[in-house]
Amino acid sequence: MKAQEIRAMTLDELAQGLDDAYEELFNLRFQFSTGRLENFNRLTEVKRDIARLKTIVRERNWSRCGRKRRHEGATEEADGVCGEQQDG
């Protein structure tokens, strides 16, 4: 999967893609441990796909929340979405 293809996906599609990639990685590791894995390069490809997907998700969260938001007195609702801790 290429980065351009991933960037064209919605957040729901990204989440589904991550689930699928983790499932495929599990299956590949299982095949490896039982000695039935034929294409060892696929392990590396899937790991890289997972990293690409996670990177794009993180970029979108940063752009949605905005880096300056943390220092500009963001609302409590935005704090929760951006993963920031609330004092309380």
Protein backbone atom coordinates (compact mmCIF):
# COMPACT_ATOMS: atom_id res chain seq x y z
CA MET A 1 0.00 0.00 0.00
CA LYS A 2 1.40 3.39 -0.94
CA ALA A 3 1.17 6.55 1.14
CA GLN A 4 -0.91 8.30 -1.54
CA GLU A 5 -3.48 5.49 -1.42
CA ILE A 6 -3.60 5.71 2.37
CA ARG A 7 -4.01 9.49 2.38
CA ALA A 8 -7.09 9.12 0.17
CA MET A 9 -8.80 6.96 2.81
CA THR A 10 -11.29 8.17 5.41
CA LEU A 11 -10.64 7.66 9.13
CA ASP A 12 -13.03 4.69 9.18
CA GLU A 13 -11.22 3.11 6.25
CA LEU A 14 -7.89 3.71 7.99
CA ALA A 15 -9.16 1.97 11.13
CA GLN A 16 -10.42 -0.97 9.07
CA GLY A 17 -7.10 -1.09 7.20
CA LEU A 18 -5.20 -1.23 10.50
CA ASP A 19 -7.43 -4.05 11.76
CA ASP A 20 -6.89 -5.99 8.54
CA ALA A 21 -3.14 -5.42 8.59
CA TYR A 22 -2.81 -6.56 12.21
CA GLU A 23 -4.84 -9.67 11.41
CA GLU A 24 -2.66 -10.43 8.40
CA LEU A 25 0.48 -9.89 10.49
CA PHE A 26 -0.84 -12.34 13.10
CA ASN A 27 -1.53 -14.93 10.41
CA LEU A 28 1.90 -14.45 8.84
CA ARG A 29 3.61 -14.85 12.22
CA PHE A 30 1.61 -17.99 12.85
CA GLN A 31 2.61 -19.40 9.46
CA PHE A 32 6.23 -18.49 10.19
CA SER A 33 6.21 -20.29 13.53
CA THR A 34 4.71 -23.43 12.00
CA GLY A 35 7.13 -23.39 9.07
CA ARG A 36 4.49 -22.81 6.39
CA LEU A 37 5.38 -19.24 5.42
CA GLU A 38 6.50 -19.08 1.79
CA ASN A 39 6.95 -15.32 1.28
CA PHE A 40 9.07 -13.95 4.13
CA ASN A 41 9.14 -10.48 2.55
CA ARG A 42 5.42 -10.15 3.17
CA LEU A 43 6.11 -9.84 6.92
CA THR A 44 8.19 -6.73 6.30
CA GLU A 45 5.66 -5.30 3.87
CA VAL A 46 2.78 -5.68 6.33
CA LYS A 47 4.80 -4.12 9.17
CA ARG A 48 5.58 -1.14 6.95
CA ASP A 49 1.93 -0.83 5.91
CA ILE A 50 0.96 -0.72 9.59
CA ALA A 51 3.54 2.01 10.21
CA ARG A 52 2.25 4.02 7.24
CA LEU A 53 -1.35 3.71 8.39
CA LYS A 54 -0.49 4.75 11.94
CA THR A 55 1.54 7.70 10.66
CA ILE A 56 -1.33 9.01 8.53
CA VAL A 57 -3.79 8.61 11.43
CA ARG A 58 -1.43 10.55 13.69
CA GLU A 59 -0.96 13.29 11.08
CA ARG A 60 -4.71 13.68 10.75
CA ASN A 61 -5.14 13.93 14.52
CA TRP A 62 -2.43 16.61 14.65
CA SER A 63 -3.99 18.60 11.83
CA ARG A 64 -7.48 18.29 13.32
CA CYS A 65 -6.40 19.48 16.77
CA GLY A 66 -3.68 21.83 15.67
CA ARG A 67 -0.34 21.98 17.39
CA LYS A 68 -0.91 25.50 18.74
CA ARG A 69 -4.20 24.45 20.27
CA ARG A 70 -2.47 23.07 23.36
CA HIS A 71 -1.06 26.48 24.26
CA GLU A 72 -4.02 28.64 23.23
CA GLY A 73 -6.44 27.47 25.89
CA ALA A 74 -8.31 24.82 23.91
CA THR A 75 -11.81 23.86 24.94
CA GLU A 76 -12.38 20.80 27.09
CA GLU A 77 -14.05 19.03 24.18
CA ALA A 78 -11.03 19.55 21.94
CA ASP A 79 -8.71 18.46 24.76
CA GLY A 80 -10.49 15.13 24.97
CA VAL A 81 -10.28 14.57 21.22
CA CYS A 82 -6.61 15.49 21.08
CA GLY A 83 -5.68 13.20 23.94
CA GLU A 84 -4.54 15.92 26.28
CA GLN A 85 -4.93 15.59 30.03
CA GLN A 86 -7.45 17.76 31.77
CA ASP A 87 -6.66 19.30 35.15
CA GLY A 88 -9.30 18.52 37.64
